[in-house]
Protein backbone atom coordinates (compact mmCIF):
# COMPACT_ATOMS: atom_id res chain seq x y z
CA MET A 1 -0.20 0.10 -0.04
CA LYS A 2 1.40 3.29 -0.84
CA VAL A 3 0.73 6.44 1.18
CA ASN A 4 0.50 9.52 -0.85
CA HIS A 5 2.83 12.10 0.89
CA SER A 6 0.64 15.23 -0.18
CA GLN A 7 -2.43 13.70 1.53
CA TYR A 8 -0.46 12.93 4.48
CA MET A 9 0.84 16.65 4.80
CA ALA A 10 -2.85 17.90 4.21
CA SER A 11 -4.18 15.83 7.02
CA TRP A 12 -1.48 17.37 9.47
CA ARG A 13 -2.01 20.79 8.12
CA PHE A 14 -5.80 20.14 8.95
CA ILE A 15 -4.96 18.98 12.59
CA LEU A 16 -2.64 21.73 13.32
CA GLY A 17 -5.10 24.20 12.10
CA VAL A 18 -7.84 22.87 14.14
CA ALA A 19 -5.68 22.86 17.20
CA LEU A 20 -4.56 26.47 16.51
CA ALA A 21 -8.21 27.70 16.13
CA GLY A 22 -8.90 25.86 19.69
CA CYS A 23 -6.22 27.72 21.27
CA LEU A 24 -7.10 31.12 19.80
CA PHE A 25 -10.88 30.39 20.88
CA ALA A 26 -9.60 29.55 24.45
CA THR A 27 -7.65 32.80 24.68
CA THR A 28 -10.38 34.88 23.34
CA ALA A 29 -12.94 33.27 25.83
CA GLN A 30 -10.56 34.09 28.72
CA ALA A 31 -10.06 37.78 27.30
CA GLN A 32 -13.73 38.13 27.48
CA SER A 33 -14.10 37.45 30.98
CA ARG A 34 -12.78 40.90 32.26
CA PHE A 35 -14.68 43.88 33.56
CA GLU A 36 -12.85 47.37 33.90
CA GLY A 37 -14.34 50.42 35.54
CA LYS A 38 -13.44 53.57 37.18
CA PHE A 39 -14.66 55.55 40.29
CA THR A 40 -13.89 58.50 42.18
CA LEU A 41 -13.71 59.03 46.04
CA THR A 42 -14.35 62.17 47.68
CA SER A 43 -12.95 61.23 51.01
CA GLU A 44 -10.56 58.43 52.55
CA VAL A 45 -12.02 54.85 52.41
CA HIS A 46 -10.40 51.68 53.81
CA TRP A 47 -10.50 48.45 51.47
CA ARG A 48 -9.23 45.78 53.86
CA ALA A 49 -5.50 46.77 54.36
CA ALA A 50 -5.42 49.52 51.78
CA VAL A 51 -6.16 53.05 52.77
CA LEU A 52 -7.58 54.92 49.53
CA PRO A 53 -7.32 58.70 49.92
CA PRO A 54 -9.57 60.90 47.79
CA GLY A 55 -8.98 60.41 44.26
CA ASP A 56 -9.44 58.50 40.80
CA TYR A 57 -9.23 54.57 40.87
CA SER A 58 -9.66 51.86 38.45
CA LEU A 59 -11.07 48.34 39.16
CA LYS A 60 -10.26 45.44 37.02
CA LEU A 61 -11.96 41.96 37.24
CA ASP A 62 -10.35 39.04 35.94
CA THR A 63 -13.07 36.32 36.22
CA ALA A 64 -10.60 33.43 34.93
CA ARG A 65 -8.53 34.22 37.83
CA ARG A 66 -11.33 35.18 40.05
CA MET A 67 -9.43 38.52 41.07
CA ILE A 68 -10.10 42.24 41.43
CA VAL A 69 -7.18 44.49 40.96
CA LEU A 70 -7.69 48.05 42.23
CA SER A 71 -5.36 50.55 40.90
CA ASP A 72 -4.67 54.36 41.34
CA ALA A 73 -6.09 55.51 37.83
CA HIS A 74 -3.43 57.90 37.06
CA THR A 75 -0.29 55.85 37.71
CA ASN A 76 -1.96 52.46 37.22
CA ARG A 77 -0.10 51.34 40.49
CA PRO A 78 -2.01 48.29 42.15
CA LEU A 79 -3.22 49.09 45.48
CA ALA A 80 -5.26 45.99 46.33
CA LEU A 81 -5.80 42.70 45.20
CA GLU A 82 -8.93 40.61 46.26
CA ALA A 83 -10.22 37.16 45.58
CA VAL A 84 -13.79 37.38 44.17
CA ARG A 85 -16.90 35.03 44.06
CA ILE A 86 -19.19 35.79 40.75
CA ASP A 87 -22.91 35.12 40.82
CA SER A 88 -23.97 33.89 37.33
CA ASP A 89 -27.54 34.53 38.01
CA ALA A 90 -26.86 38.34 38.93
CA GLN A 91 -29.41 40.79 37.64
CA ASN A 92 -27.97 44.14 38.68
CA ARG A 93 -27.46 46.83 35.93
CA ASP A 94 -25.44 49.21 38.05
CA SER A 95 -21.79 48.47 39.26
CA GLN A 96 -21.08 50.11 42.68
CA LEU A 97 -18.89 49.94 45.77
CA VAL A 98 -20.92 49.89 49.21
CA VAL A 99 -19.09 51.79 51.85
CA GLU A 100 -20.14 51.99 55.56
CA ASN A 101 -19.05 54.04 58.45
CA GLN A 102 -17.45 51.91 61.16
CA GLY A 103 -16.18 54.06 63.93
CA ASN A 104 -14.44 56.93 62.42
CA GLN A 105 -13.55 54.98 59.15
CA ARG A 106 -15.14 54.60 56.04
CA VAL A 107 -14.94 51.01 54.84
CA VAL A 108 -15.64 49.25 51.62
CA THR A 109 -18.12 46.47 52.62
CA SER A 110 -19.04 45.23 48.98
CA ALA A 111 -18.35 45.61 45.46
CA ARG A 112 -21.17 44.87 43.10
CA LEU A 113 -20.72 44.75 39.29
CA ALA A 114 -23.23 44.85 36.50
CA GLY A 115 -24.32 41.36 35.53
CA LEU A 116 -21.90 39.81 37.92
CA GLY A 117 -23.41 40.38 41.26
CA GLU A 118 -21.83 40.83 44.54
CA VAL A 119 -18.26 39.89 43.67
CA PHE A 120 -16.51 41.06 46.87
CA ARG A 121 -17.97 41.06 50.50
CA SER A 122 -15.85 42.08 53.45
CA ALA A 123 -15.64 39.34 55.93
CA HIS A 124 -14.95 42.08 58.46
CA VAL A 125 -18.22 43.72 58.90
CA SER A 126 -18.91 43.93 62.34
CA LYS A 127 -22.37 43.07 63.95
CA THR A 128 -22.47 46.67 65.01
CA SER A 129 -22.25 48.06 61.59
CA ARG A 130 -24.81 46.12 60.14
CA GLY A 131 -27.86 48.14 59.57
CA ALA A 132 -25.21 51.24 59.39
CA THR A 133 -25.69 54.03 56.95
CA GLU A 134 -24.53 52.73 53.63
CA GLU A 135 -23.28 54.91 50.88
CA THR A 136 -22.95 53.71 47.30
CA ILE A 137 -20.34 54.83 44.91
CA LEU A 138 -21.00 54.18 41.29
CA ILE A 139 -18.35 52.30 39.14
CA GLU A 140 -18.19 53.71 35.61
CA ARG A 141 -17.73 50.78 33.27
CA THR A 142 -14.91 51.55 30.97
CA TRP A 143 -14.73 48.18 29.03
CA ILE A 144 -16.05 44.69 29.17
CA ALA A 145 -15.28 42.42 26.66
CA GLY A 146 -17.87 40.51 24.57
CA LYS A 147 -20.45 43.28 24.96
């Protein structure tokens, strides 16, 4: 039985093409799982160990790694990195940070992102602060892949 060399090469090209297309699709799917937004603080806020003075900030969500990166909007210097959980059934349309007064500090207790739900909830919300006055700070979406 004689094997045709050109048919053999064509088969390998097809297999490599399918593999390359699969890799590109997987990379694109990961890139589409990001949310980026910006917000402005008018007074100091605490986000776990980070103390955020008044100013402009950016928030990036990487759903593949399940992480939020909070950065200074002008220098892009990362200020906080938080693990997140994503609610695939979320119906919220607005993105916002929830800030509560705890003693003499303003503390971020929750981050809610449009279509992703509450992705961050501080474990350090004291029982005395529950029911305290909440302030919401809108996060302006600057980019979301696939939308």
